[in-house]
N, C-alpha and C. Protein backbone atom coordinates (compact mmCIF):
# COMPACT_ATOMS: atom_id res chain seq x y z
N MET A 1 -3.33 -7.89 3.63
CA MET A 1 -4.04 -7.72 2.39
C MET A 1 -3.34 -6.60 1.63
N SER A 2 -3.28 -6.76 0.31
CA SER A 2 -2.59 -5.78 -0.52
C SER A 2 -3.23 -5.69 -1.89
N ILE A 3 -3.03 -4.55 -2.54
CA ILE A 3 -3.38 -4.47 -3.94
C ILE A 3 -2.43 -5.38 -4.70
N ALA A 4 -2.87 -5.93 -5.81
CA ALA A 4 -2.04 -6.85 -6.58
C ALA A 4 -1.01 -6.12 -7.43
N ASP A 5 -1.36 -4.92 -7.85
CA ASP A 5 -0.49 -4.14 -8.72
C ASP A 5 0.42 -3.27 -7.86
N LEU A 6 1.61 -3.79 -7.57
CA LEU A 6 2.54 -3.02 -6.76
C LEU A 6 3.98 -3.33 -7.16
N TYR A 7 4.86 -2.54 -6.63
CA TYR A 7 6.28 -2.66 -6.92
C TYR A 7 6.74 -4.10 -6.76
N GLY A 8 7.50 -4.58 -7.73
CA GLY A 8 7.92 -5.99 -7.74
C GLY A 8 8.65 -6.44 -6.49
N GLY A 9 9.50 -5.59 -5.95
CA GLY A 9 10.23 -5.95 -4.74
C GLY A 9 9.30 -6.13 -3.55
N THR A 10 8.29 -5.31 -3.48
CA THR A 10 7.31 -5.42 -2.40
C THR A 10 6.50 -6.69 -2.55
N LYS A 11 6.07 -6.98 -3.77
CA LYS A 11 5.29 -8.20 -4.00
C LYS A 11 6.13 -9.43 -3.68
N GLU A 12 7.39 -9.41 -4.07
CA GLU A 12 8.31 -10.51 -3.75
C GLU A 12 8.42 -10.70 -2.24
N TYR A 13 8.54 -9.62 -1.52
CA TYR A 13 8.62 -9.66 -0.06
C TYR A 13 7.35 -10.28 0.54
N PHE A 14 6.20 -9.84 0.05
CA PHE A 14 4.93 -10.34 0.57
C PHE A 14 4.69 -11.81 0.23
N THR A 15 5.17 -12.26 -0.92
CA THR A 15 4.89 -13.64 -1.32
C THR A 15 5.96 -14.63 -0.89
N ASN A 16 7.19 -14.17 -0.67
CA ASN A 16 8.26 -15.13 -0.36
C ASN A 16 8.96 -14.95 0.97
N VAL A 17 8.88 -13.78 1.56
CA VAL A 17 9.59 -13.56 2.82
C VAL A 17 8.67 -13.66 4.03
N VAL A 18 7.61 -12.88 4.05
CA VAL A 18 6.76 -12.86 5.24
C VAL A 18 6.06 -14.18 5.51
N THR A 19 5.87 -14.98 4.47
CA THR A 19 5.24 -16.29 4.68
C THR A 19 6.07 -17.16 5.61
N GLY A 20 7.37 -16.94 5.62
CA GLY A 20 8.25 -17.67 6.54
C GLY A 20 8.02 -17.32 8.00
N TYR A 21 7.31 -16.25 8.24
CA TYR A 21 6.99 -15.81 9.60
C TYR A 21 5.52 -16.07 9.94
N GLY A 22 4.87 -16.87 9.11
CA GLY A 22 3.48 -17.21 9.35
C GLY A 22 2.49 -16.13 8.96
N ILE A 23 2.93 -15.20 8.14
CA ILE A 23 2.05 -14.11 7.69
C ILE A 23 1.56 -14.44 6.29
N ASN A 24 0.26 -14.38 6.10
CA ASN A 24 -0.33 -14.63 4.79
C ASN A 24 -0.85 -13.32 4.23
N VAL A 25 -0.51 -13.06 2.99
CA VAL A 25 -0.96 -11.83 2.32
C VAL A 25 -1.86 -12.23 1.17
N SER A 26 -3.06 -11.65 1.15
CA SER A 26 -3.95 -11.85 0.01
C SER A 26 -3.87 -10.61 -0.87
N PHE A 27 -4.03 -10.80 -2.17
CA PHE A 27 -3.91 -9.72 -3.15
C PHE A 27 -5.22 -9.56 -3.90
N THR A 28 -5.52 -8.32 -4.27
CA THR A 28 -6.72 -8.06 -5.06
C THR A 28 -6.40 -7.05 -6.16
N ASN A 29 -7.04 -7.24 -7.29
CA ASN A 29 -6.92 -6.29 -8.39
C ASN A 29 -7.94 -5.16 -8.27
N ASP A 30 -8.91 -5.32 -7.39
CA ASP A 30 -9.99 -4.34 -7.26
C ASP A 30 -10.31 -4.13 -5.79
N ILE A 31 -9.44 -3.41 -5.10
CA ILE A 31 -9.59 -3.26 -3.66
C ILE A 31 -10.88 -2.54 -3.29
N LYS A 32 -11.33 -1.64 -4.14
CA LYS A 32 -12.57 -0.90 -3.87
C LYS A 32 -13.75 -1.85 -3.69
N ASN A 33 -13.84 -2.85 -4.55
CA ASN A 33 -14.97 -3.78 -4.50
C ASN A 33 -14.69 -5.05 -3.71
N ASP A 34 -13.42 -5.40 -3.53
CA ASP A 34 -13.08 -6.67 -2.88
C ASP A 34 -12.73 -6.55 -1.40
N LEU A 35 -12.40 -5.36 -0.94
CA LEU A 35 -11.89 -5.22 0.42
C LEU A 35 -12.83 -5.82 1.46
N ALA A 36 -14.08 -5.46 1.43
CA ALA A 36 -15.02 -5.96 2.44
C ALA A 36 -15.12 -7.48 2.41
N LYS A 37 -15.05 -8.07 1.21
CA LYS A 37 -15.15 -9.54 1.09
C LYS A 37 -13.89 -10.24 1.58
N LEU A 38 -12.74 -9.58 1.46
CA LEU A 38 -11.47 -10.22 1.80
C LEU A 38 -11.08 -10.06 3.27
N ILE A 39 -11.70 -9.13 3.97
CA ILE A 39 -11.36 -8.94 5.37
C ILE A 39 -11.78 -10.16 6.18
N ARG A 40 -10.84 -10.67 6.95
CA ARG A 40 -11.11 -11.73 7.92
C ARG A 40 -10.90 -11.08 9.29
N PRO A 41 -11.98 -10.68 9.96
CA PRO A 41 -11.86 -9.85 11.16
C PRO A 41 -10.86 -10.35 12.21
N GLU A 42 -10.73 -11.62 12.37
CA GLU A 42 -9.80 -12.15 13.38
C GLU A 42 -8.37 -12.25 12.86
N GLU A 43 -8.18 -12.17 11.56
CA GLU A 43 -6.86 -12.38 10.98
C GLU A 43 -6.26 -11.15 10.31
N THR A 44 -7.07 -10.36 9.65
CA THR A 44 -6.55 -9.23 8.87
C THR A 44 -6.11 -8.12 9.81
N LYS A 45 -4.84 -7.75 9.71
CA LYS A 45 -4.27 -6.73 10.59
C LYS A 45 -3.83 -5.49 9.83
N LEU A 46 -3.64 -5.62 8.51
CA LEU A 46 -3.05 -4.53 7.75
C LEU A 46 -3.52 -4.56 6.31
N VAL A 47 -3.76 -3.38 5.75
CA VAL A 47 -4.04 -3.24 4.33
C VAL A 47 -2.92 -2.38 3.75
N TRP A 48 -2.28 -2.88 2.71
CA TRP A 48 -1.17 -2.19 2.05
C TRP A 48 -1.62 -1.70 0.69
N ILE A 49 -1.50 -0.41 0.47
CA ILE A 49 -1.82 0.12 -0.85
C ILE A 49 -0.66 0.98 -1.35
N GLU A 50 -0.58 1.06 -2.63
CA GLU A 50 0.42 1.87 -3.31
C GLU A 50 -0.37 2.68 -4.34
N THR A 51 -0.33 3.98 -4.20
CA THR A 51 -1.14 4.78 -5.12
C THR A 51 -0.46 6.11 -5.43
N PRO A 52 -0.21 6.36 -6.69
CA PRO A 52 -0.40 5.47 -7.82
C PRO A 52 0.51 4.25 -7.70
N SER A 53 0.05 3.17 -8.29
CA SER A 53 0.80 1.92 -8.19
C SER A 53 1.97 1.89 -9.17
N ASN A 54 2.89 1.01 -8.89
CA ASN A 54 4.05 0.82 -9.74
C ASN A 54 3.97 -0.61 -10.28
N PRO A 55 3.83 -0.82 -11.53
CA PRO A 55 4.22 0.07 -12.63
C PRO A 55 3.06 0.69 -13.39
N THR A 56 1.80 0.33 -13.14
CA THR A 56 0.72 0.74 -14.03
C THR A 56 0.02 2.04 -13.63
N LEU A 57 0.41 2.61 -12.51
CA LEU A 57 -0.14 3.89 -12.04
C LEU A 57 -1.63 3.85 -11.74
N LYS A 58 -2.12 2.69 -11.28
CA LYS A 58 -3.52 2.61 -10.83
C LYS A 58 -3.69 3.47 -9.58
N ILE A 59 -4.85 4.08 -9.49
CA ILE A 59 -5.16 4.95 -8.36
C ILE A 59 -6.09 4.23 -7.39
N VAL A 60 -5.80 4.35 -6.11
CA VAL A 60 -6.65 3.77 -5.06
C VAL A 60 -7.20 4.93 -4.23
N ASP A 61 -8.47 4.87 -3.91
CA ASP A 61 -9.10 5.87 -3.06
C ASP A 61 -8.70 5.58 -1.62
N ILE A 62 -7.74 6.32 -1.12
CA ILE A 62 -7.20 6.08 0.22
C ILE A 62 -8.28 6.22 1.28
N SER A 63 -9.10 7.25 1.18
CA SER A 63 -10.15 7.49 2.17
C SER A 63 -11.14 6.33 2.24
N LEU A 64 -11.54 5.82 1.10
CA LEU A 64 -12.48 4.71 1.05
C LEU A 64 -11.88 3.48 1.73
N VAL A 65 -10.65 3.15 1.39
CA VAL A 65 -9.99 1.98 1.98
C VAL A 65 -9.80 2.18 3.48
N ALA A 66 -9.34 3.35 3.88
CA ALA A 66 -9.10 3.61 5.30
C ALA A 66 -10.40 3.55 6.10
N ASP A 67 -11.46 4.15 5.58
CA ASP A 67 -12.73 4.13 6.31
C ASP A 67 -13.21 2.71 6.57
N LEU A 68 -13.16 1.87 5.55
CA LEU A 68 -13.61 0.48 5.71
C LEU A 68 -12.67 -0.29 6.62
N ALA A 69 -11.39 -0.19 6.40
CA ALA A 69 -10.43 -0.93 7.22
C ALA A 69 -10.54 -0.53 8.69
N HIS A 70 -10.70 0.74 8.96
CA HIS A 70 -10.78 1.21 10.34
C HIS A 70 -12.03 0.72 11.05
N GLN A 71 -13.08 0.42 10.31
CA GLN A 71 -14.27 -0.16 10.93
C GLN A 71 -13.96 -1.49 11.60
N TYR A 72 -12.93 -2.16 11.12
CA TYR A 72 -12.52 -3.46 11.66
C TYR A 72 -11.25 -3.35 12.51
N GLY A 73 -10.78 -2.14 12.75
CA GLY A 73 -9.56 -1.94 13.53
C GLY A 73 -8.30 -2.31 12.77
N ILE A 74 -8.37 -2.27 11.46
CA ILE A 74 -7.23 -2.65 10.60
C ILE A 74 -6.45 -1.41 10.22
N LYS A 75 -5.13 -1.48 10.31
CA LYS A 75 -4.26 -0.37 9.93
C LYS A 75 -4.10 -0.32 8.42
N VAL A 76 -3.89 0.89 7.90
CA VAL A 76 -3.69 1.10 6.46
C VAL A 76 -2.32 1.73 6.25
N VAL A 77 -1.52 1.09 5.40
CA VAL A 77 -0.21 1.60 5.03
C VAL A 77 -0.25 2.00 3.56
N VAL A 78 0.30 3.17 3.26
CA VAL A 78 0.34 3.65 1.88
C VAL A 78 1.78 3.86 1.47
N ASP A 79 2.18 3.20 0.39
CA ASP A 79 3.46 3.49 -0.24
C ASP A 79 3.20 4.67 -1.17
N ASN A 80 3.73 5.81 -0.81
CA ASN A 80 3.47 7.06 -1.51
C ASN A 80 4.68 7.51 -2.33
N THR A 81 5.49 6.55 -2.74
CA THR A 81 6.74 6.86 -3.43
C THR A 81 6.54 7.69 -4.69
N PHE A 82 5.56 7.33 -5.51
CA PHE A 82 5.41 8.01 -6.79
C PHE A 82 4.95 9.46 -6.68
N LEU A 83 4.17 9.79 -5.67
CA LEU A 83 3.66 11.15 -5.61
C LEU A 83 4.41 12.07 -4.66
N SER A 84 5.17 11.53 -3.77
CA SER A 84 5.93 12.32 -2.81
C SER A 84 4.99 13.00 -1.81
N PRO A 85 5.54 13.44 -0.68
CA PRO A 85 4.71 14.12 0.31
C PRO A 85 4.24 15.50 -0.15
N PHE A 86 4.82 16.02 -1.19
CA PHE A 86 4.40 17.32 -1.71
C PHE A 86 3.09 17.21 -2.49
N LEU A 87 2.93 16.13 -3.24
CA LEU A 87 1.77 15.98 -4.11
C LEU A 87 0.61 15.20 -3.50
N GLN A 88 0.89 14.35 -2.50
CA GLN A 88 -0.18 13.56 -1.88
C GLN A 88 0.17 13.34 -0.41
N THR A 89 -0.80 13.55 0.45
CA THR A 89 -0.60 13.38 1.88
C THR A 89 -1.58 12.33 2.42
N PRO A 90 -1.22 11.06 2.32
CA PRO A 90 -2.14 9.99 2.71
C PRO A 90 -2.65 10.06 4.15
N LEU A 91 -1.88 10.62 5.05
CA LEU A 91 -2.35 10.74 6.43
C LEU A 91 -3.60 11.61 6.50
N ASP A 92 -3.69 12.60 5.63
CA ASP A 92 -4.88 13.46 5.58
C ASP A 92 -6.10 12.71 5.06
N HIS A 93 -5.88 11.55 4.47
CA HIS A 93 -6.99 10.76 3.90
C HIS A 93 -7.26 9.50 4.71
N GLY A 94 -6.65 9.41 5.88
CA GLY A 94 -6.97 8.30 6.78
C GLY A 94 -5.92 7.22 6.91
N ALA A 95 -4.83 7.29 6.15
CA ALA A 95 -3.78 6.28 6.27
C ALA A 95 -3.16 6.36 7.66
N ASP A 96 -2.70 5.22 8.15
CA ASP A 96 -2.05 5.17 9.47
C ASP A 96 -0.54 5.30 9.36
N VAL A 97 0.01 4.80 8.28
CA VAL A 97 1.46 4.83 8.04
C VAL A 97 1.68 5.16 6.58
N VAL A 98 2.69 5.99 6.30
CA VAL A 98 3.04 6.34 4.93
C VAL A 98 4.52 6.09 4.72
N LEU A 99 4.83 5.47 3.59
CA LEU A 99 6.22 5.20 3.23
C LEU A 99 6.59 5.97 1.98
N HIS A 100 7.83 6.42 1.94
CA HIS A 100 8.38 7.09 0.75
C HIS A 100 9.75 6.50 0.49
N SER A 101 10.02 6.15 -0.73
CA SER A 101 11.37 5.73 -1.09
C SER A 101 12.10 6.97 -1.57
N VAL A 102 12.96 7.49 -0.73
CA VAL A 102 13.62 8.74 -1.07
C VAL A 102 14.64 8.57 -2.19
N THR A 103 14.93 7.34 -2.58
CA THR A 103 15.84 7.15 -3.71
C THR A 103 15.10 7.21 -5.04
N LYS A 104 13.80 7.38 -5.00
CA LYS A 104 13.01 7.43 -6.24
C LYS A 104 12.66 8.88 -6.55
N TYR A 105 11.40 9.20 -6.50
CA TYR A 105 10.90 10.51 -6.93
C TYR A 105 11.57 11.66 -6.18
N ILE A 106 11.67 11.56 -4.88
CA ILE A 106 12.20 12.66 -4.08
C ILE A 106 13.66 12.96 -4.45
N ASN A 107 14.42 11.91 -4.75
CA ASN A 107 15.84 12.08 -5.05
C ASN A 107 16.13 11.98 -6.55
N GLY A 108 15.13 11.96 -7.38
CA GLY A 108 15.38 11.89 -8.81
C GLY A 108 15.81 10.53 -9.29
N HIS A 109 15.26 9.48 -8.71
CA HIS A 109 15.58 8.09 -9.07
C HIS A 109 17.07 7.80 -8.98
N SER A 110 17.62 8.15 -7.84
CA SER A 110 19.02 7.87 -7.53
C SER A 110 20.00 8.54 -8.49
N VAL A 111 19.58 9.64 -9.08
CA VAL A 111 20.49 10.39 -9.94
C VAL A 111 21.58 10.97 -9.08
N ARG A 112 22.77 10.75 -9.51
CA ARG A 112 23.91 11.25 -8.75
C ARG A 112 24.11 12.72 -9.09
N HIS A 113 24.07 13.54 -8.08
CA HIS A 113 24.25 14.99 -8.27
C HIS A 113 25.68 15.36 -7.94
N LYS A 114 26.25 16.19 -8.77
CA LYS A 114 27.65 16.62 -8.52
C LYS A 114 27.70 18.02 -8.00
């Protein structure tokens, strides 16, 4: 399960690559209100959020998502690329895994330094 508003490459991966491995990803525009309805206890293994999202900068309440997901034994992954580990620490809010694209915010969007 994933938020619908996320980086295009990630959405492409979820819709066209993982399906070849028998993985189905459902998307929601309102994870706060839809998460409980979309969880399939025997099938849902992971919730993927990106906050702020790319490109619209929507904010997701990590603690709220993690609390609900953990009630079902579901892991929560947060793509924290936009805020960096300096500005947001998803593990402190209940996330199980945090990803950062170091070629983006941390590295100045791949700016070549001389």
